[in-house]
Amino acid sequence: MPRYALTLEYDGTRFSGWQSQEGLRTVQGELENALGVLLREPAKAMGASRTDKGVHALGQVAIFDTEHPVPTHRLIRSLSALLRPDIAVIDAREVPADFQPRFAATGKHYRYRVLNRSAPSPLLACTSWHVFSALDDGAMRDAADLLQGTHDFAAFRAADCHRDNTVRTLTAIHLTRARDDLLEMHVYGDSFLKYMVRIIAGTLVEIGTGRRSLDEVRRALQTTERHWAGRTAPPHGLTLMEIFF
């Protein structure tokens, strides 16, 4: 039975996350509905990352199986026609029957955007966190340096995250200004705990505004106690950029 991998781009604003939930609009649900129409058979899509409600993606990867081979160019064209404008299939390819994106992934790249100016932006309202206080980029980079490497990130996870192993490796955190008033945090790592990137973003913003100190970041890593880390940044500033295999 052929297995196909799709690369998806979506605006998460009107989705209740990736994972199917009864009575809610989700990315997985929309994709499976479109696949069912195209293939004329029920289809189950399995994603590489369970993005949260409001989180966007430029490089989500999902697989599905079908008894009927489909040319990959037809998958892209037909699914794009069936899906609503806030989700698109940008690549499709046949993969080995044992390919599992969640377990085959060797790393992920997330971007978190902060609009840093007094006035909000109607054009960026759904894809960035509006922070009007001035940010100290240098202090934020110093904090990012502390977070890079292999640490126990238990202090940087959601309260309902029950993973037994909370040790993760951040290979890089890059802070750049896409323009003077738009700060981007690019976070690379082997895998992530629930809300981990959003809590890192919230912590770095609090460092940038002077509401949190570098010593508190050190204590968060050393003690694994949640109160030493910063707030959970809003979901709409986060985008899953790429998954590495």
C-alpha atoms as a PDB file:
ATOM      1  CA  MET A   1       0.000   0.000   0.000  1.00  0.00           C
ATOM      2  CA  PRO A   2       1.632   3.298  -1.070  1.00  0.00           C
ATOM      3  CA  ARG A   3       2.444   5.865   1.622  1.00  0.00           C
ATOM      4  CA  TYR A   4       2.692   9.566   0.822  1.00  0.00           C
ATOM      5  CA  ALA A   5       4.203  12.457   2.757  1.00  0.00           C
ATOM      6  CA  LEU A   6       2.680  15.909   2.392  1.00  0.00           C
ATOM      7  CA  THR A   7       4.251  19.210   3.369  1.00  0.00           C
ATOM      8  CA  LEU A   8       1.613  21.606   4.643  1.00  0.00           C
ATOM      9  CA  GLU A   9       1.423  25.347   5.115  1.00  0.00           C
ATOM     10  CA  TYR A  10      -1.385  26.804   7.194  1.00  0.00           C
ATOM     11  CA  ASP A  11      -2.615  29.843   9.055  1.00  0.00           C
ATOM     12  CA  GLY A  12      -3.587  28.460  12.453  1.00  0.00           C
ATOM     13  CA  THR A  13      -5.851  31.380  13.404  1.00  0.00           C
ATOM     14  CA  ARG A  14      -9.127  29.553  12.804  1.00  0.00           C
ATOM     15  CA  PHE A  15      -7.918  26.072  13.716  1.00  0.00           C
ATOM     16  CA  SER A  16      -8.164  24.385  17.115  1.00  0.00           C
ATOM     17  CA  GLY A  17      -4.707  22.939  16.563  1.00  0.00           C
ATOM     18  CA  TRP A  18      -3.491  20.020  14.479  1.00  0.00           C
ATOM     19  CA  GLN A  19      -5.132  17.043  16.169  1.00  0.00           C
ATOM     20  CA  SER A  20      -8.675  15.980  15.297  1.00  0.00           C
ATOM     21  CA  GLN A  21     -11.228  16.872  17.977  1.00  0.00           C
ATOM     22  CA  GLU A  22     -14.917  16.181  17.733  1.00  0.00           C
ATOM     23  CA  GLY A  23     -16.924  19.300  16.959  1.00  0.00           C
ATOM     24  CA  LEU A  24     -13.835  21.466  16.355  1.00  0.00           C
ATOM     25  CA  ARG A  25     -12.084  22.569  13.186  1.00  0.00           C
ATOM     26  CA  THR A  26      -8.564  21.150  13.103  1.00  0.00           C
ATOM     27  CA  VAL A  27      -5.836  20.836  10.487  1.00  0.00           C
ATOM     28  CA  GLN A  28      -5.850  17.041  10.661  1.00  0.00           C
ATOM     29  CA  GLY A  29      -9.619  16.959  10.317  1.00  0.00           C
ATOM     30  CA  GLU A  30      -9.657  19.275   7.296  1.00  0.00           C
ATOM     31  CA  LEU A  31      -6.878  17.319   5.590  1.00  0.00           C
ATOM     32  CA  GLU A  32      -8.550  13.958   6.193  1.00  0.00           C
ATOM     33  CA  ASN A  33     -11.859  15.268   4.826  1.00  0.00           C
ATOM     34  CA  ALA A  34     -10.146  16.487   1.650  1.00  0.00           C
ATOM     35  CA  LEU A  35      -8.254  13.204   1.261  1.00  0.00           C
ATOM     36  CA  GLY A  36     -11.502  11.273   1.659  1.00  0.00           C
ATOM     37  CA  VAL A  37     -13.107  13.235  -1.172  1.00  0.00           C
ATOM     38  CA  LEU A  38     -10.069  12.870  -3.440  1.00  0.00           C
ATOM     39  CA  LEU A  39      -9.392   9.185  -2.781  1.00  0.00           C
ATOM     40  CA  ARG A  40     -13.063   8.171  -2.385  1.00  0.00           C
ATOM     41  CA  GLU A  41     -12.097   6.204   0.714  1.00  0.00           C
ATOM     42  CA  PRO A  42     -11.531   7.072   4.389  1.00  0.00           C
ATOM     43  CA  ALA A  43      -8.040   8.418   4.991  1.00  0.00           C
ATOM     44  CA  LYS A  44      -6.028   8.812   8.185  1.00  0.00           C
ATOM     45  CA  ALA A  45      -3.327  11.489   8.256  1.00  0.00           C
ATOM     46  CA  MET A  46      -0.503  11.337  10.802  1.00  0.00           C
ATOM     47  CA  GLY A  47       1.433  14.539  11.465  1.00  0.00           C
ATOM     48  CA  ALA A  48       5.008  15.093  12.557  1.00  0.00           C
ATOM     49  CA  SER A  49       4.056  17.806  15.056  1.00  0.00           C
ATOM     50  CA  ARG A  50       0.876  18.523  17.015  1.00  0.00           C
ATOM     51  CA  THR A  51       0.735  22.284  16.686  1.00  0.00           C
ATOM     52  CA  ASP A  52      -1.495  24.035  19.232  1.00  0.00           C
ATOM     53  CA  LYS A  53      -4.578  26.158  18.645  1.00  0.00           C
ATOM     54  CA  GLY A  54      -3.610  29.365  16.831  1.00  0.00           C
ATOM     55  CA  VAL A  55      -0.106  28.187  15.869  1.00  0.00           C
ATOM     56  CA  HIS A  56       0.906  28.425  12.198  1.00  0.00           C
ATOM     57  CA  ALA A  57       3.079  26.240   9.978  1.00  0.00           C
ATOM     58  CA  LEU A  58       5.212  26.631   6.889  1.00  0.00           C
ATOM     59  CA  GLY A  59       6.641  23.112   7.027  1.00  0.00           C
ATOM     60  CA  GLN A  60       4.315  20.671   8.759  1.00  0.00           C
ATOM     61  CA  VAL A  61       4.675  17.107   7.445  1.00  0.00           C
ATOM     62  CA  ALA A  62       1.898  14.507   7.393  1.00  0.00           C
ATOM     63  CA  ILE A  63       1.621  11.019   5.938  1.00  0.00           C
ATOM     64  CA  PHE A  64      -1.285   8.925   4.713  1.00  0.00           C
ATOM     65  CA  ASP A  65      -1.763   5.501   3.112  1.00  0.00           C
ATOM     66  CA  THR A  66      -4.009   4.605   0.219  1.00  0.00           C
ATOM     67  CA  GLU A  67      -4.728   1.488  -1.794  1.00  0.00           C
ATOM     68  CA  HIS A  68      -4.791   3.574  -4.967  1.00  0.00           C
ATOM     69  CA  PRO A  69      -1.518   5.153  -6.197  1.00  0.00           C
ATOM     70  CA  VAL A  70      -1.836   8.856  -6.978  1.00  0.00           C
ATOM     71  CA  PRO A  71       0.629  10.993  -8.987  1.00  0.00           C
ATOM     72  CA  THR A  72       2.186  13.465  -6.560  1.00  0.00           C
ATOM     73  CA  HIS A  73       1.516  16.452  -8.812  1.00  0.00           C
ATOM     74  CA  ARG A  74      -2.171  15.538  -8.750  1.00  0.00           C
ATOM     75  CA  LEU A  75      -2.135  15.363  -4.957  1.00  0.00           C
ATOM     76  CA  ILE A  76      -0.831  18.921  -4.716  1.00  0.00           C
ATOM     77  CA  ARG A  77      -3.232  20.358  -7.295  1.00  0.00           C
ATOM     78  CA  SER A  78      -6.349  18.457  -6.203  1.00  0.00           C
ATOM     79  CA  LEU A  79      -5.914  18.892  -2.447  1.00  0.00           C
ATOM     80  CA  SER A  80      -5.228  22.596  -2.900  1.00  0.00           C
ATOM     81  CA  ALA A  81      -8.533  22.870  -4.753  1.00  0.00           C
ATOM     82  CA  LEU A  82     -10.413  20.970  -2.030  1.00  0.00           C
ATOM     83  CA  LEU A  83      -8.921  22.723   0.982  1.00  0.00           C
ATOM     84  CA  ARG A  84      -9.911  26.165   2.251  1.00  0.00           C
ATOM     85  CA  PRO A  85      -7.558  29.114   1.675  1.00  0.00           C
ATOM     86  CA  ASP A  86      -5.953  28.928   5.140  1.00  0.00           C
ATOM     87  CA  ILE A  87      -4.354  25.532   4.452  1.00  0.00           C
ATOM     88  CA  ALA A  88      -2.333  24.319   1.463  1.00  0.00           C
ATOM     89  CA  VAL A  89      -0.325  21.293   0.382  1.00  0.00           C
ATOM     90  CA  ILE A  90       2.954  22.656  -0.969  1.00  0.00           C
ATOM     91  CA  ASP A  91       4.788  19.364  -1.575  1.00  0.00           C
ATOM     92  CA  ALA A  92       3.927  15.677  -1.931  1.00  0.00           C
ATOM     93  CA  ARG A  93       6.103  12.627  -2.356  1.00  0.00           C
ATOM     94  CA  GLU A  94       5.908   8.864  -2.012  1.00  0.00           C
ATOM     95  CA  VAL A  95       7.863   7.537   0.975  1.00  0.00           C
ATOM     96  CA  PRO A  96       8.756   4.076   2.321  1.00  0.00           C
ATOM     97  CA  ALA A  97       5.878   2.184   3.920  1.00  0.00           C
ATOM     98  CA  ASP A  98       7.572   2.305   7.340  1.00  0.00           C
ATOM     99  CA  PHE A  99       8.218   6.069   7.339  1.00  0.00           C
ATOM    100  CA  GLN A 100       6.805   7.658  10.523  1.00  0.00           C
ATOM    101  CA  PRO A 101       7.346  11.439  10.605  1.00  0.00           C
ATOM    102  CA  ARG A 102       6.995  11.823  14.383  1.00  0.00           C
ATOM    103  CA  PHE A 103       9.710   9.282  15.067  1.00  0.00           C
ATOM    104  CA  ALA A 104      11.888   9.921  12.015  1.00  0.00           C
ATOM    105  CA  ALA A 105      12.260  13.640  12.784  1.00  0.00           C
ATOM    106  CA  THR A 106      15.758  14.574  13.957  1.00  0.00           C
ATOM    107  CA  GLY A 107      14.951  18.204  14.708  1.00  0.00           C
ATOM    108  CA  LYS A 108      12.558  21.119  14.285  1.00  0.00           C
ATOM    109  CA  HIS A 109      12.833  24.819  13.562  1.00  0.00           C
ATOM    110  CA  TYR A 110      10.303  27.234  15.047  1.00  0.00           C
ATOM    111  CA  ARG A 111      10.017  30.992  14.585  1.00  0.00           C
ATOM    112  CA  TYR A 112       8.430  33.302  17.122  1.00  0.00           C
ATOM    113  CA  ARG A 113       7.623  36.867  16.007  1.00  0.00           C
ATOM    114  CA  VAL A 114       7.255  39.924  18.222  1.00  0.00           C
ATOM    115  CA  LEU A 115       5.923  43.207  16.885  1.00  0.00           C
ATOM    116  CA  ASN A 116       7.851  45.686  19.017  1.00  0.00           C
ATOM    117  CA  ARG A 117       6.348  49.149  18.683  1.00  0.00           C
ATOM    118  CA  SER A 118       3.696  51.352  20.243  1.00  0.00           C
ATOM    119  CA  ALA A 119       0.976  50.828  17.647  1.00  0.00           C
ATOM    120  CA  PRO A 120      -0.477  47.452  16.700  1.00  0.00           C
ATOM    121  CA  SER A 121      -0.416  46.182  13.115  1.00  0.00           C
ATOM    122  CA  PRO A 122      -3.628  44.951  11.463  1.00  0.00           C
ATOM    123  CA  LEU A 123      -1.518  42.995   8.954  1.00  0.00           C
ATOM    124  CA  LEU A 124       0.580  41.232  11.616  1.00  0.00           C
ATOM    125  CA  ALA A 125      -2.062  40.856  14.318  1.00  0.00           C
ATOM    126  CA  CYS A 126      -2.569  37.132  13.646  1.00  0.00           C
ATOM    127  CA  THR A 127       1.102  36.230  13.219  1.00  0.00           C
ATOM    128  CA  SER A 128       2.979  38.192  15.874  1.00  0.00           C
ATOM    129  CA  TRP A 129       2.790  39.118  19.552  1.00  0.00           C
ATOM    130  CA  HIS A 130       2.435  42.872  20.021  1.00  0.00           C
ATOM    131  CA  VAL A 131       4.852  44.057  22.735  1.00  0.00           C
ATOM    132  CA  PHE A 132       4.931  47.850  23.029  1.00  0.00           C
ATOM    133  CA  SER A 133       7.689  48.080  25.679  1.00  0.00           C
ATOM    134  CA  ALA A 134      11.226  48.578  24.388  1.00  0.00           C
ATOM    135  CA  LEU A 135      13.243  45.357  24.204  1.00  0.00           C
ATOM    136  CA  ASP A 136      16.928  44.938  25.014  1.00  0.00           C
ATOM    137  CA  ASP A 137      18.056  42.594  22.234  1.00  0.00           C
ATOM    138  CA  GLY A 138      21.489  42.122  23.814  1.00  0.00           C
ATOM    139  CA  ALA A 139      20.050  40.926  27.129  1.00  0.00           C
ATOM    140  CA  MET A 140      17.712  38.589  25.262  1.00  0.00           C
ATOM    141  CA  ARG A 141      20.633  37.084  23.345  1.00  0.00           C
ATOM    142  CA  ASP A 142      22.511  36.543  26.615  1.00  0.00           C
ATOM    143  CA  ALA A 143      19.514  34.621  27.965  1.00  0.00           C
ATOM    144  CA  ALA A 144      19.210  32.656  24.728  1.00  0.00           C
ATOM    145  CA  ASP A 145      22.855  31.615  25.094  1.00  0.00           C
ATOM    146  CA  LEU A 146      22.043  30.164  28.530  1.00  0.00           C
ATOM    147  CA  LEU A 147      19.220  28.083  27.066  1.00  0.00           C
ATOM    148  CA  GLN A 148      21.232  26.614  24.207  1.00  0.00           C
ATOM    149  CA  GLY A 149      22.619  23.128  24.698  1.00  0.00           C
ATOM    150  CA  THR A 150      21.269  20.109  26.572  1.00  0.00           C
ATOM    151  CA  HIS A 151      19.243  20.876  29.701  1.00  0.00           C
ATOM    152  CA  ASP A 152      16.291  19.680  31.730  1.00  0.00           C
ATOM    153  CA  PHE A 153      13.536  21.979  30.423  1.00  0.00           C
ATOM    154  CA  ALA A 154      10.883  20.943  32.955  1.00  0.00           C
ATOM    155  CA  ALA A 155      10.459  24.610  33.947  1.00  0.00           C
ATOM    156  CA  PHE A 156       9.618  25.439  30.319  1.00  0.00           C
ATOM    157  CA  ARG A 157       6.639  23.158  29.763  1.00  0.00           C
ATOM    158  CA  ALA A 158       2.859  23.313  30.141  1.00  0.00           C
ATOM    159  CA  ALA A 159       1.310  22.296  33.442  1.00  0.00           C
ATOM    160  CA  ASP A 160      -0.479  19.407  31.730  1.00  0.00           C
ATOM    161  CA  CYS A 161       2.655  18.082  30.012  1.00  0.00           C
ATOM    162  CA  HIS A 162       3.425  14.730  31.624  1.00  0.00           C
ATOM    163  CA  ARG A 163       6.484  13.602  29.684  1.00  0.00           C
ATOM    164  CA  ASP A 164       8.749  11.535  31.926  1.00  0.00           C
ATOM    165  CA  ASN A 165      11.894  12.713  30.143  1.00  0.00           C
ATOM    166  CA  THR A 166      12.145  16.514  30.063  1.00  0.00           C
ATOM    167  CA  VAL A 167      15.763  16.730  28.880  1.00  0.00           C
ATOM    168  CA  ARG A 168      16.001  18.378  25.488  1.00  0.00           C
ATOM    169  CA  THR A 169      18.753  19.839  23.305  1.00  0.00           C
ATOM    170  CA  LEU A 170      18.459  23.301  21.769  1.00  0.00           C
ATOM    171  CA  THR A 171      21.006  23.460  18.985  1.00  0.00           C
ATOM    172  CA  ALA A 172      20.516  27.186  18.347  1.00  0.00           C
ATOM    173  CA  ILE A 173      18.433  30.244  19.194  1.00  0.00           C
ATOM    174  CA  HIS A 174      18.885  33.145  16.806  1.00  0.00           C
ATOM    175  CA  LEU A 175      17.382  36.579  17.466  1.00  0.00           C
ATOM    176  CA  THR A 176      17.108  38.847  14.446  1.00  0.00           C
ATOM    177  CA  ARG A 177      15.251  41.989  13.465  1.00  0.00           C
ATOM    178  CA  ALA A 178      13.332  41.385  10.240  1.00  0.00           C
ATOM    179  CA  ARG A 179      12.849  45.154  10.400  1.00  0.00           C
ATOM    180  CA  ASP A 180      13.329  47.698  13.186  1.00  0.00           C
ATOM    181  CA  ASP A 181       9.999  46.925  14.834  1.00  0.00           C
ATOM    182  CA  LEU A 182       9.772  43.171  14.130  1.00  0.00           C
ATOM    183  CA  LEU A 183      11.843  40.807  16.265  1.00  0.00           C
ATOM    184  CA  GLU A 184      12.147  37.160  15.252  1.00  0.00           C
ATOM    185  CA  MET A 185      13.329  34.332  17.488  1.00  0.00           C
ATOM    186  CA  HIS A 186      14.415  31.240  15.549  1.00  0.00           C
ATOM    187  CA  VAL A 187      14.603  28.191  17.803  1.00  0.00           C
ATOM    188  CA  TYR A 188      16.187  24.913  16.676  1.00  0.00           C
ATOM    189  CA  GLY A 189      16.121  21.714  18.701  1.00  0.00           C
ATOM    190  CA  ASP A 190      15.902  17.941  18.628  1.00  0.00           C
ATOM    191  CA  SER A 191      12.364  17.901  20.077  1.00  0.00           C
ATOM    192  CA  PHE A 192      10.170  20.086  22.253  1.00  0.00           C
ATOM    193  CA  LEU A 193       7.883  19.815  25.260  1.00  0.00           C
ATOM    194  CA  LYS A 194       4.340  21.197  25.186  1.00  0.00           C
ATOM    195  CA  TYR A 195       4.437  25.041  25.093  1.00  0.00           C
ATOM    196  CA  MET A 196       8.240  24.937  25.404  1.00  0.00           C
ATOM    197  CA  VAL A 197       8.973  27.372  22.573  1.00  0.00           C
ATOM    198  CA  ARG A 198       6.204  29.731  23.721  1.00  0.00           C
ATOM    199  CA  ILE A 199       7.574  29.760  27.287  1.00  0.00           C
ATOM    200  CA  ILE A 200      11.082  30.379  25.958  1.00  0.00           C
ATOM    201  CA  ALA A 201       9.696  33.288  23.915  1.00  0.00           C
ATOM    202  CA  GLY A 202       7.822  34.663  26.943  1.00  0.00           C
ATOM    203  CA  THR A 203      10.939  34.359  29.081  1.00  0.00           C
ATOM    204  CA  LEU A 204      13.132  36.147  26.557  1.00  0.00           C
ATOM    205  CA  VAL A 205      10.610  38.984  26.204  1.00  0.00           C
ATOM    206  CA  GLU A 206      10.534  39.410  29.990  1.00  0.00           C
ATOM    207  CA  ILE A 207      14.337  39.526  29.952  1.00  0.00           C
ATOM    208  CA  GLY A 208      14.170  42.130  27.184  1.00  0.00           C
ATOM    209  CA  THR A 209      11.784  44.342  29.133  1.00  0.00           C
ATOM    210  CA  GLY A 210      13.781  43.999  32.356  1.00  0.00           C
ATOM    211  CA  ARG A 211      11.040  42.127  34.209  1.00  0.00           C
ATOM    212  CA  ARG A 212      13.167  39.005  34.584  1.00  0.00           C
ATOM    213  CA  SER A 213      16.880  38.496  35.212  1.00  0.00           C
ATOM    214  CA  LEU A 214      19.483  36.175  33.764  1.00  0.00           C
ATOM    215  CA  ASP A 215      19.855  34.638  37.206  1.00  0.00           C
ATOM    216  CA  GLU A 216      16.200  33.607  37.118  1.00  0.00           C
ATOM    217  CA  VAL A 217      16.801  31.822  33.799  1.00  0.00           C
ATOM    218  CA  ARG A 218      19.736  29.971  35.365  1.00  0.00           C
ATOM    219  CA  ARG A 219      17.546  28.981  38.308  1.00  0.00           C
ATOM    220  CA  ALA A 220      14.816  27.739  35.975  1.00  0.00           C
ATOM    221  CA  LEU A 221      17.305  25.372  34.378  1.00  0.00           C
ATOM    222  CA  GLN A 222      18.912  24.335  37.662  1.00  0.00           C
ATOM    223  CA  THR A 223      15.777  23.824  39.774  1.00  0.00           C
ATOM    224  CA  THR A 224      13.280  22.895  36.993  1.00  0.00           C
ATOM    225  CA  GLU A 225      10.695  24.993  38.874  1.00  0.00           C
ATOM    226  CA  ARG A 226       8.171  26.671  36.578  1.00  0.00           C
ATOM    227  CA  HIS A 227       7.956  29.996  38.463  1.00  0.00           C
ATOM    228  CA  TRP A 228      11.552  30.876  37.562  1.00  0.00           C
ATOM    229  CA  ALA A 229      10.719  30.880  33.850  1.00  0.00           C
ATOM    230  CA  GLY A 230       8.626  33.515  32.098  1.00  0.00           C
ATOM    231  CA  ARG A 231       5.041  33.631  30.898  1.00  0.00           C
ATOM    232  CA  THR A 232       3.682  31.503  28.080  1.00  0.00           C
ATOM    233  CA  ALA A 233       3.736  33.716  24.983  1.00  0.00           C
ATOM    234  CA  PRO A 234       0.517  33.836  22.907  1.00  0.00           C
ATOM    235  CA  PRO A 235       0.206  31.075  20.285  1.00  0.00           C
ATOM    236  CA  HIS A 236      -0.342  33.307  17.258  1.00  0.00           C
ATOM    237  CA  GLY A 237       3.280  34.492  17.185  1.00  0.00           C
ATOM    238  CA  LEU A 238       4.553  30.943  16.655  1.00  0.00           C
ATOM    239  CA  THR A 239       5.205  29.229  13.338  1.00  0.00           C
ATOM    240  CA  LEU A 240       6.555  25.716  12.706  1.00  0.00           C
ATOM    241  CA  MET A 241       9.067  26.492   9.973  1.00  0.00           C
ATOM    242  CA  GLU A 242      10.675  23.163   9.149  1.00  0.00           C
ATOM    243  CA  ILE A 243      11.065  19.581  10.301  1.00  0.00           C
ATOM    244  CA  PHE A 244      14.360  17.805   9.717  1.00  0.00           C
ATOM    245  CA  PHE A 245      14.611  14.105   8.899  1.00  0.00           C
END
